[in-house]
Structures are given as C-alpha cells and as structure tokens.
C-alpha cells in the first residue's frame, strides 16, 4: 500500500472514530472510500464488507467499515 493511500485511510479511520454514525448506505461508503458503488457491491458480494438490511436498503454498520479499513484490504480488482 502506498504512503498516500495509507495516510488517507488513517485519516478516514480517525474521522469514523470521532463520529457517532451507526451505519452507512452503499453510496455513502463508496464516497468515503472514493470508489464506485459497483465496487462496494462487489466487496459485499465477495464477503469482504458486511452489511445489514434496513428495510429495503443495505447498510454497512460503522463497526464493519472500521474492521474493513483496519484490515487494509482494498482489492484493486474490486475497485476497477
């Protein structure tokens, strides 16, 4: 992982720690990770990123996004 990406992820993890957000819609996760919604869908399908149903919407819990970011796994194939 390059230094710029590592710094960006560290900043995002710190931001997530300070906010009292419980979950994120798929499009919000895409924006936070600066990847497409399709890439987030692929991460979910590959079971690299967990979610829960909130009515008819998939929501990524705050703790799940933290776990994903801490794992350092951002598959280039998934975000292509």
N, C-alpha and C. Protein backbone atom coordinates (compact mmCIF):
# COMPACT_ATOMS: atom_id res chain seq x y z
N UNK A 1 0.86 -1.17 0.00
CA UNK A 1 0.00 0.00 0.00
C UNK A 1 0.90 1.23 0.00
N UNK A 2 0.60 2.19 -0.88
CA UNK A 2 1.47 3.36 -0.92
C UNK A 2 1.18 4.29 0.26
N UNK A 3 2.12 5.19 0.52
CA UNK A 3 2.03 6.07 1.69
C UNK A 3 0.83 7.00 1.63
N UNK A 4 0.50 7.48 0.43
CA UNK A 4 -0.64 8.40 0.29
C UNK A 4 -1.95 7.70 0.64
N UNK A 5 -2.13 6.47 0.15
CA UNK A 5 -3.33 5.71 0.45
C UNK A 5 -3.40 5.37 1.93
N UNK A 6 -2.27 4.99 2.50
CA UNK A 6 -2.23 4.66 3.93
C UNK A 6 -2.61 5.87 4.77
N UNK A 7 -2.11 7.03 4.41
CA UNK A 7 -2.44 8.26 5.14
C UNK A 7 -3.92 8.59 5.01
N UNK A 8 -4.46 8.43 3.81
CA UNK A 8 -5.89 8.70 3.59
C UNK A 8 -6.75 7.76 4.41
N UNK A 9 -6.39 6.48 4.44
CA UNK A 9 -7.15 5.50 5.22
C UNK A 9 -7.05 5.79 6.71
N UNK A 10 -5.87 6.17 7.16
CA UNK A 10 -5.70 6.50 8.58
C UNK A 10 -6.57 7.70 8.96
N UNK A 11 -6.63 8.69 8.08
CA UNK A 11 -7.47 9.86 8.33
C UNK A 11 -8.94 9.50 8.37
N UNK A 12 -9.35 8.62 7.47
CA UNK A 12 -10.74 8.18 7.44
C UNK A 12 -11.09 7.39 8.69
N UNK A 13 -10.20 6.50 9.12
CA UNK A 13 -10.44 5.72 10.33
C UNK A 13 -10.59 6.66 11.52
N UNK A 14 -9.75 7.68 11.61
CA UNK A 14 -9.84 8.64 12.72
C UNK A 14 -11.16 9.40 12.65
N UNK A 15 -11.57 9.80 11.46
CA UNK A 15 -12.84 10.51 11.29
C UNK A 15 -13.99 9.61 11.74
N UNK A 16 -13.95 8.35 11.37
CA UNK A 16 -15.02 7.42 11.74
C UNK A 16 -15.07 7.22 13.25
N UNK A 17 -13.92 7.23 13.90
CA UNK A 17 -13.88 7.05 15.36
C UNK A 17 -14.56 8.20 16.09
N UNK A 18 -14.42 9.41 15.55
CA UNK A 18 -14.93 10.58 16.25
C UNK A 18 -16.42 10.83 15.98
N UNK A 19 -16.95 10.25 14.92
CA UNK A 19 -18.35 10.46 14.58
C UNK A 19 -19.22 9.40 15.25
N UNK A 20 -20.45 9.74 15.51
CA UNK A 20 -21.39 8.83 16.14
C UNK A 20 -22.34 8.25 15.10
N UNK A 21 -21.79 7.77 14.02
CA UNK A 21 -22.59 7.19 12.95
C UNK A 21 -22.71 5.69 13.19
N UNK A 22 -23.89 5.14 13.01
CA UNK A 22 -24.10 3.71 13.25
C UNK A 22 -24.02 2.88 11.98
N UNK A 23 -24.31 3.50 10.84
CA UNK A 23 -24.26 2.76 9.59
C UNK A 23 -24.26 3.69 8.40
N UNK A 24 -23.86 3.14 7.25
CA UNK A 24 -23.71 3.93 6.04
C UNK A 24 -24.41 3.23 4.88
N UNK A 25 -25.10 4.00 4.06
CA UNK A 25 -25.67 3.46 2.84
C UNK A 25 -24.53 3.14 1.88
N UNK A 26 -24.79 2.27 0.93
CA UNK A 26 -23.77 1.83 -0.02
C UNK A 26 -23.15 3.02 -0.74
N UNK A 27 -23.96 3.97 -1.17
CA UNK A 27 -23.42 5.13 -1.87
C UNK A 27 -22.54 5.99 -0.98
N UNK A 28 -22.84 6.03 0.32
CA UNK A 28 -22.01 6.78 1.25
C UNK A 28 -20.67 6.09 1.43
N UNK A 29 -20.69 4.76 1.55
CA UNK A 29 -19.44 4.00 1.66
C UNK A 29 -18.58 4.25 0.42
N UNK A 30 -19.21 4.23 -0.75
CA UNK A 30 -18.47 4.48 -1.99
C UNK A 30 -17.80 5.85 -1.94
N UNK A 31 -18.51 6.85 -1.48
CA UNK A 31 -17.94 8.19 -1.38
C UNK A 31 -16.81 8.26 -0.37
N UNK A 32 -16.98 7.61 0.77
CA UNK A 32 -15.94 7.63 1.80
C UNK A 32 -14.66 6.95 1.33
N UNK A 33 -14.83 5.85 0.57
CA UNK A 33 -13.66 5.11 0.09
C UNK A 33 -13.16 5.61 -1.26
N UNK A 34 -13.89 6.55 -1.85
CA UNK A 34 -13.56 7.09 -3.16
C UNK A 34 -13.50 5.99 -4.22
N UNK A 35 -14.51 5.13 -4.18
CA UNK A 35 -14.66 4.06 -5.17
C UNK A 35 -16.11 4.09 -5.66
N UNK A 36 -16.40 3.34 -6.68
CA UNK A 36 -17.76 3.33 -7.23
C UNK A 36 -18.70 2.49 -6.35
N UNK A 37 -19.99 2.75 -6.50
CA UNK A 37 -20.99 1.93 -5.81
C UNK A 37 -20.89 0.49 -6.28
N UNK A 38 -20.59 0.31 -7.55
CA UNK A 38 -20.42 -1.04 -8.10
C UNK A 38 -19.27 -1.77 -7.38
N UNK A 39 -18.20 -1.05 -7.09
CA UNK A 39 -17.06 -1.65 -6.38
C UNK A 39 -17.47 -2.05 -4.96
N UNK A 40 -18.28 -1.21 -4.31
CA UNK A 40 -18.75 -1.55 -2.96
C UNK A 40 -19.64 -2.79 -3.04
N UNK A 41 -20.51 -2.84 -4.04
CA UNK A 41 -21.35 -4.02 -4.24
C UNK A 41 -20.49 -5.28 -4.40
N UNK A 42 -19.39 -5.16 -5.13
CA UNK A 42 -18.51 -6.30 -5.34
C UNK A 42 -17.86 -6.73 -4.02
N UNK A 43 -17.45 -5.76 -3.21
CA UNK A 43 -16.87 -6.08 -1.90
C UNK A 43 -17.89 -6.82 -1.03
N UNK A 44 -19.14 -6.39 -1.10
CA UNK A 44 -20.21 -7.05 -0.35
C UNK A 44 -20.42 -8.47 -0.87
N UNK A 45 -20.51 -8.63 -2.21
CA UNK A 45 -20.70 -9.96 -2.79
C UNK A 45 -19.55 -10.90 -2.46
N UNK A 46 -18.34 -10.36 -2.42
CA UNK A 46 -17.15 -11.17 -2.11
C UNK A 46 -17.00 -11.41 -0.60
N UNK A 47 -17.95 -10.90 0.17
CA UNK A 47 -17.96 -11.04 1.63
C UNK A 47 -16.73 -10.42 2.29
N UNK A 48 -16.22 -9.35 1.67
CA UNK A 48 -15.11 -8.60 2.26
C UNK A 48 -15.63 -7.44 3.09
N UNK A 49 -16.87 -7.08 2.85
CA UNK A 49 -17.51 -5.98 3.56
C UNK A 49 -18.92 -6.42 3.94
N UNK A 50 -19.21 -6.41 5.22
CA UNK A 50 -20.52 -6.85 5.69
C UNK A 50 -21.56 -5.75 5.65
N UNK A 51 -22.81 -6.15 5.74
CA UNK A 51 -23.92 -5.20 5.74
C UNK A 51 -25.11 -5.81 6.47
N UNK A 52 -26.07 -4.98 6.75
CA UNK A 52 -27.34 -5.42 7.31
C UNK A 52 -28.44 -4.78 6.46
N UNK A 53 -29.62 -5.35 6.54
CA UNK A 53 -30.77 -4.76 5.85
C UNK A 53 -31.46 -3.78 6.78
N UNK A 54 -31.78 -2.61 6.26
CA UNK A 54 -32.58 -1.61 6.97
C UNK A 54 -33.76 -1.33 6.05
N UNK A 55 -34.81 -2.09 6.25
CA UNK A 55 -35.92 -2.02 5.31
C UNK A 55 -35.49 -2.65 4.01
N UNK A 56 -35.54 -1.86 2.94
CA UNK A 56 -35.12 -2.36 1.62
C UNK A 56 -33.71 -1.93 1.26
N UNK A 57 -33.03 -1.29 2.18
CA UNK A 57 -31.68 -0.78 1.91
C UNK A 57 -30.62 -1.59 2.64
N UNK A 58 -29.49 -1.76 1.98
CA UNK A 58 -28.34 -2.37 2.64
C UNK A 58 -27.57 -1.26 3.34
N UNK A 59 -27.20 -1.52 4.58
CA UNK A 59 -26.46 -0.55 5.37
C UNK A 59 -25.21 -1.24 5.91
N UNK A 60 -24.08 -0.58 5.75
CA UNK A 60 -22.82 -1.09 6.29
C UNK A 60 -22.66 -0.50 7.69
N UNK A 61 -22.66 -1.34 8.73
CA UNK A 61 -22.50 -0.82 10.08
C UNK A 61 -21.15 -0.12 10.25
N UNK A 62 -21.15 0.89 11.09
CA UNK A 62 -19.93 1.66 11.38
C UNK A 62 -18.79 0.73 11.78
N UNK A 63 -19.08 -0.22 12.66
CA UNK A 63 -18.04 -1.13 13.14
C UNK A 63 -17.50 -2.01 12.01
N UNK A 64 -18.36 -2.36 11.06
CA UNK A 64 -17.92 -3.18 9.92
C UNK A 64 -17.00 -2.38 9.00
N UNK A 65 -17.32 -1.11 8.79
CA UNK A 65 -16.45 -0.27 7.96
C UNK A 65 -15.10 -0.08 8.64
N UNK A 66 -15.11 0.09 9.95
CA UNK A 66 -13.84 0.20 10.69
C UNK A 66 -13.03 -1.08 10.55
N UNK A 67 -13.68 -2.23 10.67
CA UNK A 67 -12.97 -3.51 10.55
C UNK A 67 -12.35 -3.64 9.16
N UNK A 68 -13.13 -3.30 8.15
CA UNK A 68 -12.64 -3.38 6.78
C UNK A 68 -11.43 -2.48 6.57
N UNK A 69 -11.52 -1.25 7.04
CA UNK A 69 -10.40 -0.33 6.87
C UNK A 69 -9.16 -0.78 7.63
N UNK A 70 -9.37 -1.31 8.82
CA UNK A 70 -8.24 -1.79 9.62
C UNK A 70 -7.56 -3.01 8.98
N UNK A 71 -8.33 -3.76 8.21
CA UNK A 71 -7.75 -4.96 7.57
C UNK A 71 -6.78 -4.58 6.46
N UNK A 72 -6.90 -3.36 5.95
CA UNK A 72 -6.01 -2.91 4.89
C UNK A 72 -6.28 -3.57 3.55
N UNK A 73 -7.43 -4.25 3.43
CA UNK A 73 -7.76 -4.97 2.20
C UNK A 73 -8.60 -4.06 1.32
N UNK A 74 -8.01 -3.63 0.24
CA UNK A 74 -8.76 -2.89 -0.77
C UNK A 74 -8.30 -3.47 -2.10
N UNK A 75 -9.00 -4.48 -2.53
CA UNK A 75 -8.65 -5.24 -3.73
C UNK A 75 -8.78 -4.36 -4.97
N UNK A 76 -7.68 -4.19 -5.68
CA UNK A 76 -7.69 -3.36 -6.88
C UNK A 76 -8.68 -3.89 -7.90
N UNK A 77 -8.85 -5.20 -7.97
CA UNK A 77 -9.81 -5.80 -8.91
C UNK A 77 -11.23 -5.39 -8.54
N UNK A 78 -11.51 -5.31 -7.25
CA UNK A 78 -12.86 -4.98 -6.80
C UNK A 78 -13.20 -3.52 -7.08
N UNK A 79 -12.20 -2.66 -7.11
CA UNK A 79 -12.48 -1.24 -7.30
C UNK A 79 -12.25 -0.78 -8.73
N UNK A 80 -11.93 -1.70 -9.60
CA UNK A 80 -11.68 -1.34 -11.01
C UNK A 80 -12.97 -1.01 -11.72
